[in-house]
Amino acid sequence: MINTIQIALSGMMAASRKVEASAANIANMTTGGALDPADGSAPYQAVTTAQTSITGANGEGLGVRSEIIPTNRPVVQAYAPDSPFANQDGLIGASNTDPVEDIVNLQIASNSYSHSK
């Protein structure tokens, strides 16, 4: 019985991390920074979650482990000449978040909560 509860809790924690990552991406979608980090603050790097299965010595499932990791999406250039991070051409580094993907991830996490009852 305890293993069942631990497995369910690990799934809920994984869903919580998915919400945390998507919420951070949405909140920082317009956060810009310097194209060259040596010139100042780096732009926000979008994040995602990575999940791995946890198995016991006999191969039985014991839940999941989830961690927040940066995405591989490169920073994009944006024209913002009034930004303190703008270079001589008025360009800044802008986060390359995908709001559609983040909204879908929020829905997936929401469904994970409702199915874990």
C-alpha atoms as a PDB file:
ATOM      1  CA  MET A   1       0.000   0.000   0.000  1.00  0.00           C
ATOM      2  CA  ILE A   2       2.827   2.418   0.840  1.00  0.00           C
ATOM      3  CA  ASN A   3       4.472   1.824  -2.580  1.00  0.00           C
ATOM      4  CA  THR A   4       1.206   2.702  -4.311  1.00  0.00           C
ATOM      5  CA  ILE A   5       1.021   6.024  -2.476  1.00  0.00           C
ATOM      6  CA  GLN A   6       4.681   6.774  -3.199  1.00  0.00           C
ATOM      7  CA  ILE A   7       4.185   6.034  -6.893  1.00  0.00           C
ATOM      8  CA  ALA A   8       1.122   8.294  -7.048  1.00  0.00           C
ATOM      9  CA  LEU A   9       2.958  11.078  -5.230  1.00  0.00           C
ATOM     10  CA  SER A  10       5.932  10.848  -7.590  1.00  0.00           C
ATOM     11  CA  GLY A  11       3.535  11.269 -10.524  1.00  0.00           C
ATOM     12  CA  MET A  12       1.919  14.291  -8.900  1.00  0.00           C
ATOM     13  CA  MET A  13       5.342  15.815  -8.210  1.00  0.00           C
ATOM     14  CA  ALA A  14       6.267  15.285 -11.877  1.00  0.00           C
ATOM     15  CA  ALA A  15       3.064  17.079 -12.912  1.00  0.00           C
ATOM     16  CA  SER A  16       3.904  19.903 -10.486  1.00  0.00           C
ATOM     17  CA  ARG A  17       7.335  20.308 -12.066  1.00  0.00           C
ATOM     18  CA  LYS A  18       5.724  20.448 -15.513  1.00  0.00           C
ATOM     19  CA  VAL A  19       3.453  23.256 -14.262  1.00  0.00           C
ATOM     20  CA  GLU A  20       6.423  25.038 -12.682  1.00  0.00           C
ATOM     21  CA  ALA A  21       8.458  24.913 -15.905  1.00  0.00           C
ATOM     22  CA  SER A  22       5.573  26.041 -18.126  1.00  0.00           C
ATOM     23  CA  ALA A  23       4.591  28.846 -15.743  1.00  0.00           C
ATOM     24  CA  ALA A  24       8.194  30.103 -15.662  1.00  0.00           C
ATOM     25  CA  ASN A  25       8.328  30.090 -19.464  1.00  0.00           C
ATOM     26  CA  ILE A  26       5.065  32.002 -19.790  1.00  0.00           C
ATOM     27  CA  ALA A  27       6.032  34.525 -17.094  1.00  0.00           C
ATOM     28  CA  ASN A  28       9.425  35.169 -18.717  1.00  0.00           C
ATOM     29  CA  MET A  29       8.294  35.078 -22.329  1.00  0.00           C
ATOM     30  CA  THR A  30       9.142  38.752 -22.845  1.00  0.00           C
ATOM     31  CA  THR A  31      12.259  38.839 -20.662  1.00  0.00           C
ATOM     32  CA  GLY A  32      15.141  40.004 -22.782  1.00  0.00           C
ATOM     33  CA  GLY A  33      18.841  40.380 -22.223  1.00  0.00           C
ATOM     34  CA  ALA A  34      22.074  41.105 -23.986  1.00  0.00           C
ATOM     35  CA  LEU A  35      22.929  39.113 -27.102  1.00  0.00           C
ATOM     36  CA  ASP A  36      26.467  38.823 -25.774  1.00  0.00           C
ATOM     37  CA  PRO A  37      26.202  37.790 -22.096  1.00  0.00           C
ATOM     38  CA  ALA A  38      29.548  39.509 -21.454  1.00  0.00           C
ATOM     39  CA  ASP A  39      27.709  42.801 -22.118  1.00  0.00           C
ATOM     40  CA  GLY A  40      25.161  42.286 -19.350  1.00  0.00           C
ATOM     41  CA  SER A  41      22.284  40.085 -18.358  1.00  0.00           C
ATOM     42  CA  ALA A  42      21.597  36.997 -20.468  1.00  0.00           C
ATOM     43  CA  PRO A  43      18.054  36.528 -21.789  1.00  0.00           C
ATOM     44  CA  TYR A  44      15.756  33.992 -20.142  1.00  0.00           C
ATOM     45  CA  GLN A  45      16.464  30.418 -21.255  1.00  0.00           C
ATOM     46  CA  ALA A  46      13.265  28.418 -21.697  1.00  0.00           C
ATOM     47  CA  VAL A  47      12.998  25.253 -19.596  1.00  0.00           C
ATOM     48  CA  THR A  48      11.262  21.912 -19.852  1.00  0.00           C
ATOM     49  CA  THR A  49      11.048  18.768 -17.751  1.00  0.00           C
ATOM     50  CA  ALA A  50      12.784  15.431 -18.116  1.00  0.00           C
ATOM     51  CA  GLN A  51      11.268  12.344 -16.514  1.00  0.00           C
ATOM     52  CA  THR A  52      12.860   9.013 -15.803  1.00  0.00           C
ATOM     53  CA  SER A  53      11.288   5.865 -14.432  1.00  0.00           C
ATOM     54  CA  ILE A  54      12.364   4.585 -11.062  1.00  0.00           C
ATOM     55  CA  THR A  55      12.555   0.815 -10.863  1.00  0.00           C
ATOM     56  CA  GLY A  56      13.345  -1.558  -8.032  1.00  0.00           C
ATOM     57  CA  ALA A  57      15.905  -4.344  -7.936  1.00  0.00           C
ATOM     58  CA  ASN A  58      13.417  -6.756  -9.522  1.00  0.00           C
ATOM     59  CA  GLY A  59      12.384  -4.315 -12.251  1.00  0.00           C
ATOM     60  CA  GLU A  60       9.151  -3.288 -10.556  1.00  0.00           C
ATOM     61  CA  GLY A  61       8.014   0.274 -11.114  1.00  0.00           C
ATOM     62  CA  LEU A  62       8.513   2.596  -8.158  1.00  0.00           C
ATOM     63  CA  GLY A  63       7.423   5.873  -9.728  1.00  0.00           C
ATOM     64  CA  VAL A  64       9.073   8.646 -11.723  1.00  0.00           C
ATOM     65  CA  ARG A  65      11.767  11.228 -11.160  1.00  0.00           C
ATOM     66  CA  SER A  66      11.323  14.602 -12.790  1.00  0.00           C
ATOM     67  CA  GLU A  67      13.716  17.500 -13.138  1.00  0.00           C
ATOM     68  CA  ILE A  68      13.614  20.903 -14.775  1.00  0.00           C
ATOM     69  CA  ILE A  69      16.225  21.321 -17.502  1.00  0.00           C
ATOM     70  CA  PRO A  70      16.958  24.071 -20.049  1.00  0.00           C
ATOM     71  CA  THR A  71      15.646  23.590 -23.574  1.00  0.00           C
ATOM     72  CA  ASN A  72      17.950  23.485 -26.565  1.00  0.00           C
ATOM     73  CA  ARG A  73      16.189  26.415 -28.235  1.00  0.00           C
ATOM     74  CA  PRO A  74      18.602  29.215 -29.091  1.00  0.00           C
ATOM     75  CA  VAL A  75      17.934  32.798 -28.074  1.00  0.00           C
ATOM     76  CA  VAL A  76      16.419  34.920 -30.845  1.00  0.00           C
ATOM     77  CA  GLN A  77      17.185  38.500 -31.773  1.00  0.00           C
ATOM     78  CA  ALA A  78      14.572  41.176 -31.118  1.00  0.00           C
ATOM     79  CA  TYR A  79      14.607  44.854 -31.985  1.00  0.00           C
ATOM     80  CA  ALA A  80      14.371  46.906 -28.790  1.00  0.00           C
ATOM     81  CA  PRO A  81      16.554  50.004 -29.117  1.00  0.00           C
ATOM     82  CA  ASP A  82      15.323  51.453 -25.791  1.00  0.00           C
ATOM     83  CA  SER A  83      16.420  48.399 -23.800  1.00  0.00           C
ATOM     84  CA  PRO A  84      19.469  48.812 -21.581  1.00  0.00           C
ATOM     85  CA  PHE A  85      20.713  45.528 -23.106  1.00  0.00           C
ATOM     86  CA  ALA A  86      20.477  46.709 -26.738  1.00  0.00           C
ATOM     87  CA  ASN A  87      23.614  46.540 -28.823  1.00  0.00           C
ATOM     88  CA  GLN A  88      24.675  49.253 -31.293  1.00  0.00           C
ATOM     89  CA  ASP A  89      22.068  47.970 -33.787  1.00  0.00           C
ATOM     90  CA  GLY A  90      19.250  48.113 -31.211  1.00  0.00           C
ATOM     91  CA  LEU A  91      19.037  44.319 -30.908  1.00  0.00           C
ATOM     92  CA  ILE A  92      18.585  42.307 -27.734  1.00  0.00           C
ATOM     93  CA  GLY A  93      18.436  38.613 -27.020  1.00  0.00           C
ATOM     94  CA  ALA A  94      14.869  37.404 -26.508  1.00  0.00           C
ATOM     95  CA  SER A  95      13.686  34.165 -25.015  1.00  0.00           C
ATOM     96  CA  ASN A  96      12.604  31.569 -27.530  1.00  0.00           C
ATOM     97  CA  THR A  97       9.701  30.189 -25.532  1.00  0.00           C
ATOM     98  CA  ASP A  98       6.776  28.466 -27.213  1.00  0.00           C
ATOM     99  CA  PRO A  99       3.581  29.605 -25.464  1.00  0.00           C
ATOM    100  CA  VAL A 100       1.440  27.038 -27.295  1.00  0.00           C
ATOM    101  CA  GLU A 101       3.656  24.207 -26.061  1.00  0.00           C
ATOM    102  CA  ASP A 102       3.537  25.608 -22.535  1.00  0.00           C
ATOM    103  CA  ILE A 103      -0.259  25.882 -22.554  1.00  0.00           C
ATOM    104  CA  VAL A 104      -0.498  22.274 -23.774  1.00  0.00           C
ATOM    105  CA  ASN A 105       1.919  21.208 -21.011  1.00  0.00           C
ATOM    106  CA  LEU A 106      -0.268  22.984 -18.442  1.00  0.00           C
ATOM    107  CA  GLN A 107      -3.297  21.081 -19.731  1.00  0.00           C
ATOM    108  CA  ILE A 108      -1.402  17.776 -19.619  1.00  0.00           C
ATOM    109  CA  ALA A 109      -0.367  18.475 -16.030  1.00  0.00           C
ATOM    110  CA  SER A 110      -3.940  19.409 -15.136  1.00  0.00           C
ATOM    111  CA  ASN A 111      -5.161  16.110 -16.571  1.00  0.00           C
ATOM    112  CA  SER A 112      -2.488  14.275 -14.577  1.00  0.00           C
ATOM    113  CA  TYR A 113      -3.939  15.700 -11.382  1.00  0.00           C
ATOM    114  CA  SER A 114      -7.509  14.821 -12.279  1.00  0.00           C
ATOM    115  CA  HIS A 115      -6.612  11.230 -13.232  1.00  0.00           C
ATOM    116  CA  SER A 116      -4.668  10.601 -10.052  1.00  0.00           C
ATOM    117  CA  LYS A 117      -7.778  10.627  -7.836  1.00  0.00           C
END
